[in-house]
Amino acid sequence: MSSQYKLENNAEEMRHQSKVKLTDLLSRINEEKKIERNRNLALSVAAVSAVTVFGIILTL
């Protein structure tokens, strides 16, 4: 009897813990998009800088 109570209690706790708020997910996705956009921008700037420096070196 007590093991059945523990099982039911555990199942109830899992149901409460598995709830996810949609607003939290959306805000997390938006934050990840901002981070990815910043990384892409930094990579693009680094690539353009490297090409520019290489071009300047070639012209000398």
PDB file of N, CA and C in Angstrom:
ATOM      1  N   MET A   1       0.826  -1.189   0.000  1.00  0.00           N
ATOM      2  CA  MET A   1       0.000   0.000   0.000  1.00  0.00           C
ATOM      3  C   MET A   1       0.874   1.257   0.000  1.00  0.00           C
ATOM      4  N   SER A   2       1.926   1.286   0.817  1.00  0.00           N
ATOM      5  CA  SER A   2       2.761   2.476   0.887  1.00  0.00           C
ATOM      6  C   SER A   2       3.566   2.661  -0.393  1.00  0.00           C
ATOM      7  N   SER A   3       3.957   1.555  -1.056  1.00  0.00           N
ATOM      8  CA  SER A   3       4.702   1.685  -2.314  1.00  0.00           C
ATOM      9  C   SER A   3       3.811   2.273  -3.406  1.00  0.00           C
ATOM     10  N   GLN A   4       2.523   1.932  -3.374  1.00  0.00           N
ATOM     11  CA  GLN A   4       1.597   2.494  -4.351  1.00  0.00           C
ATOM     12  C   GLN A   4       1.437   3.997  -4.100  1.00  0.00           C
ATOM     13  N   TYR A   5       1.396   4.396  -2.844  1.00  0.00           N
ATOM     14  CA  TYR A   5       1.285   5.808  -2.511  1.00  0.00           C
ATOM     15  C   TYR A   5       2.516   6.563  -3.002  1.00  0.00           C
ATOM     16  N   LYS A   6       3.697   5.976  -2.796  1.00  0.00           N
ATOM     17  CA  LYS A   6       4.938   6.615  -3.246  1.00  0.00           C
ATOM     18  C   LYS A   6       4.939   6.760  -4.764  1.00  0.00           C
ATOM     19  N   LEU A   7       4.478   5.741  -5.465  1.00  0.00           N
ATOM     20  CA  LEU A   7       4.442   5.774  -6.921  1.00  0.00           C
ATOM     21  C   LEU A   7       3.493   6.870  -7.409  1.00  0.00           C
ATOM     22  N   GLU A   8       2.327   6.955  -6.807  1.00  0.00           N
ATOM     23  CA  GLU A   8       1.367   7.983  -7.197  1.00  0.00           C
ATOM     24  C   GLU A   8       1.901   9.372  -6.873  1.00  0.00           C
ATOM     25  N   ASN A   9       2.545   9.500  -5.721  1.00  0.00           N
ATOM     26  CA  ASN A   9       3.116  10.782  -5.310  1.00  0.00           C
ATOM     27  C   ASN A   9       4.230  11.182  -6.271  1.00  0.00           C
ATOM     28  N   ASN A  10       5.062  10.232  -6.668  1.00  0.00           N
ATOM     29  CA  ASN A  10       6.151  10.486  -7.614  1.00  0.00           C
ATOM     30  C   ASN A  10       5.595  10.924  -8.967  1.00  0.00           C
ATOM     31  N   ALA A  11       4.562  10.240  -9.433  1.00  0.00           N
ATOM     32  CA  ALA A  11       3.955  10.578 -10.717  1.00  0.00           C
ATOM     33  C   ALA A  11       3.380  11.994 -10.676  1.00  0.00           C
ATOM     34  N   GLU A  12       2.772  12.354  -9.567  1.00  0.00           N
ATOM     35  CA  GLU A  12       2.203  13.694  -9.417  1.00  0.00           C
ATOM     36  C   GLU A  12       3.307  14.751  -9.429  1.00  0.00           C
ATOM     37  N   GLU A  13       4.415  14.484  -8.765  1.00  0.00           N
ATOM     38  CA  GLU A  13       5.537  15.423  -8.755  1.00  0.00           C
ATOM     39  C   GLU A  13       6.116  15.588 -10.153  1.00  0.00           C
ATOM     40  N   MET A  14       6.213  14.492 -10.886  1.00  0.00           N
ATOM     41  CA  MET A  14       6.759  14.556 -12.243  1.00  0.00           C
ATOM     42  C   MET A  14       5.859  15.377 -13.156  1.00  0.00           C
ATOM     43  N   ARG A  15       4.561  15.264 -12.983  1.00  0.00           N
ATOM     44  CA  ARG A  15       3.636  16.059 -13.784  1.00  0.00           C
ATOM     45  C   ARG A  15       3.830  17.548 -13.523  1.00  0.00           C
ATOM     46  N   HIS A  16       4.038  17.920 -12.267  1.00  0.00           N
ATOM     47  CA  HIS A  16       4.234  19.322 -11.923  1.00  0.00           C
ATOM     48  C   HIS A  16       5.570  19.831 -12.450  1.00  0.00           C
ATOM     49  N   GLN A  17       6.594  19.001 -12.424  1.00  0.00           N
ATOM     50  CA  GLN A  17       7.915  19.420 -12.863  1.00  0.00           C
ATOM     51  C   GLN A  17       8.018  19.484 -14.380  1.00  0.00           C
ATOM     52  N   SER A  18       7.214  18.725 -15.092  1.00  0.00           N
ATOM     53  CA  SER A  18       7.343  18.665 -16.539  1.00  0.00           C
ATOM     54  C   SER A  18       6.610  19.795 -17.251  1.00  0.00           C
ATOM     55  N   LYS A  19       5.930  20.639 -16.522  1.00  0.00           N
ATOM     56  CA  LYS A  19       5.242  21.759 -17.146  1.00  0.00           C
ATOM     57  C   LYS A  19       6.268  22.800 -17.577  1.00  0.00           C
ATOM     58  N   VAL A  20       6.122  23.293 -18.792  1.00  0.00           N
ATOM     59  CA  VAL A  20       7.036  24.285 -19.332  1.00  0.00           C
ATOM     60  C   VAL A  20       6.222  25.490 -19.776  1.00  0.00           C
ATOM     61  N   LYS A  21       6.702  26.650 -19.407  1.00  0.00           N
ATOM     62  CA  LYS A  21       6.003  27.869 -19.801  1.00  0.00           C
ATOM     63  C   LYS A  21       6.454  28.276 -21.192  1.00  0.00           C
ATOM     64  N   LEU A  22       5.498  28.552 -22.041  1.00  0.00           N
ATOM     65  CA  LEU A  22       5.785  28.921 -23.424  1.00  0.00           C
ATOM     66  C   LEU A  22       6.562  30.230 -23.492  1.00  0.00           C
ATOM     67  N   THR A  23       6.248  31.161 -22.610  1.00  0.00           N
ATOM     68  CA  THR A  23       6.955  32.442 -22.625  1.00  0.00           C
ATOM     69  C   THR A  23       8.431  32.257 -22.290  1.00  0.00           C
ATOM     70  N   ASP A  24       8.733  31.331 -21.376  1.00  0.00           N
ATOM     71  CA  ASP A  24      10.131  31.051 -21.046  1.00  0.00           C
ATOM     72  C   ASP A  24      10.866  30.477 -22.249  1.00  0.00           C
ATOM     73  N   LEU A  25      10.216  29.574 -22.955  1.00  0.00           N
ATOM     74  CA  LEU A  25      10.840  28.988 -24.143  1.00  0.00           C
ATOM     75  C   LEU A  25      11.072  30.038 -25.219  1.00  0.00           C
ATOM     76  N   LEU A  26      10.090  30.885 -25.448  1.00  0.00           N
ATOM     77  CA  LEU A  26      10.236  31.918 -26.469  1.00  0.00           C
ATOM     78  C   LEU A  26      11.331  32.909 -26.109  1.00  0.00           C
ATOM     79  N   SER A  27      11.419  33.286 -24.858  1.00  0.00           N
ATOM     80  CA  SER A  27      12.466  34.225 -24.455  1.00  0.00           C
ATOM     81  C   SER A  27      13.843  33.575 -24.582  1.00  0.00           C
ATOM     82  N   ARG A  28      13.948  32.299 -24.267  1.00  0.00           N
ATOM     83  CA  ARG A  28      15.223  31.592 -24.418  1.00  0.00           C
ATOM     84  C   ARG A  28      15.622  31.506 -25.890  1.00  0.00           C
ATOM     85  N   ILE A  29      14.650  31.254 -26.767  1.00  0.00           N
ATOM     86  CA  ILE A  29      14.933  31.193 -28.206  1.00  0.00           C
ATOM     87  C   ILE A  29      15.391  32.560 -28.711  1.00  0.00           C
ATOM     88  N   ASN A  30      14.732  33.616 -28.257  1.00  0.00           N
ATOM     89  CA  ASN A  30      15.129  34.964 -28.683  1.00  0.00           C
ATOM     90  C   ASN A  30      16.530  35.306 -28.209  1.00  0.00           C
ATOM     91  N   GLU A  31      16.883  34.929 -26.989  1.00  0.00           N
ATOM     92  CA  GLU A  31      18.232  35.172 -26.479  1.00  0.00           C
ATOM     93  C   GLU A  31      19.270  34.413 -27.303  1.00  0.00           C
ATOM     94  N   GLU A  32      18.970  33.168 -27.643  1.00  0.00           N
ATOM     95  CA  GLU A  32      19.897  32.373 -28.445  1.00  0.00           C
ATOM     96  C   GLU A  32      20.056  32.971 -29.845  1.00  0.00           C
ATOM     97  N   LYS A  33      18.977  33.513 -30.409  1.00  0.00           N
ATOM     98  CA  LYS A  33      19.068  34.164 -31.717  1.00  0.00           C
ATOM     99  C   LYS A  33      19.976  35.381 -31.651  1.00  0.00           C
ATOM    100  N   LYS A  34      19.851  36.179 -30.579  1.00  0.00           N
ATOM    101  CA  LYS A  34      20.709  37.356 -30.422  1.00  0.00           C
ATOM    102  C   LYS A  34      22.167  36.943 -30.309  1.00  0.00           C
ATOM    103  N   ILE A  35      22.432  35.916 -29.532  1.00  0.00           N
ATOM    104  CA  ILE A  35      23.811  35.440 -29.365  1.00  0.00           C
ATOM    105  C   ILE A  35      24.361  34.945 -30.691  1.00  0.00           C
ATOM    106  N   GLU A  36      23.564  34.178 -31.427  1.00  0.00           N
ATOM    107  CA  GLU A  36      24.004  33.652 -32.725  1.00  0.00           C
ATOM    108  C   GLU A  36      24.240  34.797 -33.718  1.00  0.00           C
ATOM    109  N   ARG A  37      23.379  35.797 -33.708  1.00  0.00           N
ATOM    110  CA  ARG A  37      23.544  36.953 -34.601  1.00  0.00           C
ATOM    111  C   ARG A  37      24.848  37.677 -34.289  1.00  0.00           C
ATOM    112  N   ASN A  38      25.155  37.860 -32.987  1.00  0.00           N
ATOM    113  CA  ASN A  38      26.393  38.521 -32.595  1.00  0.00           C
ATOM    114  C   ASN A  38      27.612  37.703 -33.005  1.00  0.00           C
ATOM    115  N   ARG A  39      27.541  36.385 -32.868  1.00  0.00           N
ATOM    116  CA  ARG A  39      28.653  35.530 -33.280  1.00  0.00           C
ATOM    117  C   ARG A  39      28.873  35.620 -34.784  1.00  0.00           C
ATOM    118  N   ASN A  40      27.790  35.599 -35.539  1.00  0.00           N
ATOM    119  CA  ASN A  40      27.905  35.699 -36.991  1.00  0.00           C
ATOM    120  C   ASN A  40      28.492  37.045 -37.403  1.00  0.00           C
ATOM    121  N   LEU A  41      28.080  38.106 -36.737  1.00  0.00           N
ATOM    122  CA  LEU A  41      28.611  39.425 -37.035  1.00  0.00           C
ATOM    123  C   LEU A  41      30.107  39.480 -36.737  1.00  0.00           C
ATOM    124  N   ALA A  42      30.510  38.950 -35.594  1.00  0.00           N
ATOM    125  CA  ALA A  42      31.929  38.945 -35.230  1.00  0.00           C
ATOM    126  C   ALA A  42      32.742  38.125 -36.226  1.00  0.00           C
ATOM    127  N   LEU A  43      32.215  36.997 -36.647  1.00  0.00           N
ATOM    128  CA  LEU A  43      32.911  36.158 -37.628  1.00  0.00           C
ATOM    129  C   LEU A  43      33.021  36.880 -38.966  1.00  0.00           C
ATOM    130  N   SER A  44      31.984  37.552 -39.374  1.00  0.00           N
ATOM    131  CA  SER A  44      32.006  38.299 -40.633  1.00  0.00           C
ATOM    132  C   SER A  44      33.027  39.428 -40.578  1.00  0.00           C
ATOM    133  N   VAL A  45      33.057  40.150 -39.485  1.00  0.00           N
ATOM    134  CA  VAL A  45      34.024  41.240 -39.329  1.00  0.00           C
ATOM    135  C   VAL A  45      35.447  40.689 -39.359  1.00  0.00           C
ATOM    136  N   ALA A  46      35.671  39.569 -38.702  1.00  0.00           N
ATOM    137  CA  ALA A  46      37.004  38.960 -38.703  1.00  0.00           C
ATOM    138  C   ALA A  46      37.401  38.524 -40.109  1.00  0.00           C
ATOM    139  N   ALA A  47      36.485  37.951 -40.853  1.00  0.00           N
ATOM    140  CA  ALA A  47      36.777  37.501 -42.219  1.00  0.00           C
ATOM    141  C   ALA A  47      37.086  38.694 -43.126  1.00  0.00           C
ATOM    142  N   VAL A  48      36.288  39.745 -43.051  1.00  0.00           N
ATOM    143  CA  VAL A  48      36.524  40.931 -43.873  1.00  0.00           C
ATOM    144  C   VAL A  48      37.856  41.574 -43.493  1.00  0.00           C
ATOM    145  N   SER A  49      38.163  41.624 -42.217  1.00  0.00           N
ATOM    146  CA  SER A  49      39.439  42.189 -41.769  1.00  0.00           C
ATOM    147  C   SER A  49      40.607  41.375 -42.299  1.00  0.00           C
ATOM    148  N   ALA A  50      40.496  40.062 -42.244  1.00  0.00           N
ATOM    149  CA  ALA A  50      41.573  39.208 -42.735  1.00  0.00           C
ATOM    150  C   ALA A  50      41.779  39.400 -44.230  1.00  0.00           C
ATOM    151  N   VAL A  51      40.712  39.491 -44.989  1.00  0.00           N
ATOM    152  CA  VAL A  51      40.819  39.713 -46.441  1.00  0.00           C
ATOM    153  C   VAL A  51      41.439  41.071 -46.722  1.00  0.00           C
ATOM    154  N   THR A  52      41.045  42.082 -45.970  1.00  0.00           N
ATOM    155  CA  THR A  52      41.591  43.424 -46.148  1.00  0.00           C
ATOM    156  C   THR A  52      43.085  43.456 -45.853  1.00  0.00           C
ATOM    157  N   VAL A  53      43.479  42.869 -44.743  1.00  0.00           N
ATOM    158  CA  VAL A  53      44.898  42.832 -44.385  1.00  0.00           C
ATOM    159  C   VAL A  53      45.682  42.045 -45.435  1.00  0.00           C
ATOM    160  N   PHE A  54      45.166  40.942 -45.882  1.00  0.00           N
ATOM    161  CA  PHE A  54      45.844  40.157 -46.910  1.00  0.00           C
ATOM    162  C   PHE A  54      45.965  40.948 -48.201  1.00  0.00           C
ATOM    163  N   GLY A  55      44.927  41.691 -48.564  1.00  0.00           N
ATOM    164  CA  GLY A  55      44.978  42.530 -49.771  1.00  0.00           C
ATOM    165  C   GLY A  55      45.992  43.637 -49.644  1.00  0.00           C
ATOM    166  N   ILE A  56      46.072  44.252 -48.486  1.00  0.00           N
ATOM    167  CA  ILE A  56      47.058  45.319 -48.263  1.00  0.00           C
ATOM    168  C   ILE A  56      48.467  44.758 -48.356  1.00  0.00           C
ATOM    169  N   ILE A  57      48.685  43.592 -47.770  1.00  0.00           N
ATOM    170  CA  ILE A  57      50.015  42.963 -47.827  1.00  0.00           C
ATOM    171  C   ILE A  57      50.393  42.642 -49.271  1.00  0.00           C
ATOM    172  N   LEU A  58      49.456  42.180 -50.066  1.00  0.00           N
ATOM    173  CA  LEU A  58      49.740  41.847 -51.463  1.00  0.00           C
ATOM    174  C   LEU A  58      50.084  43.079 -52.298  1.00  0.00           C
ATOM    175  N   THR A  59      49.477  44.218 -51.971  1.00  0.00           N
ATOM    176  CA  THR A  59      49.746  45.425 -52.753  1.00  0.00           C
ATOM    177  C   THR A  59      51.089  46.061 -52.422  1.00  0.00           C
ATOM    178  N   LEU A  60      51.678  45.710 -51.308  1.00  0.00           N
ATOM    179  CA  LEU A  60      52.983  46.285 -50.943  1.00  0.00           C
ATOM    180  C   LEU A  60      54.063  45.619 -51.666  1.00  0.00           C
TER     181      LEU A  60
END
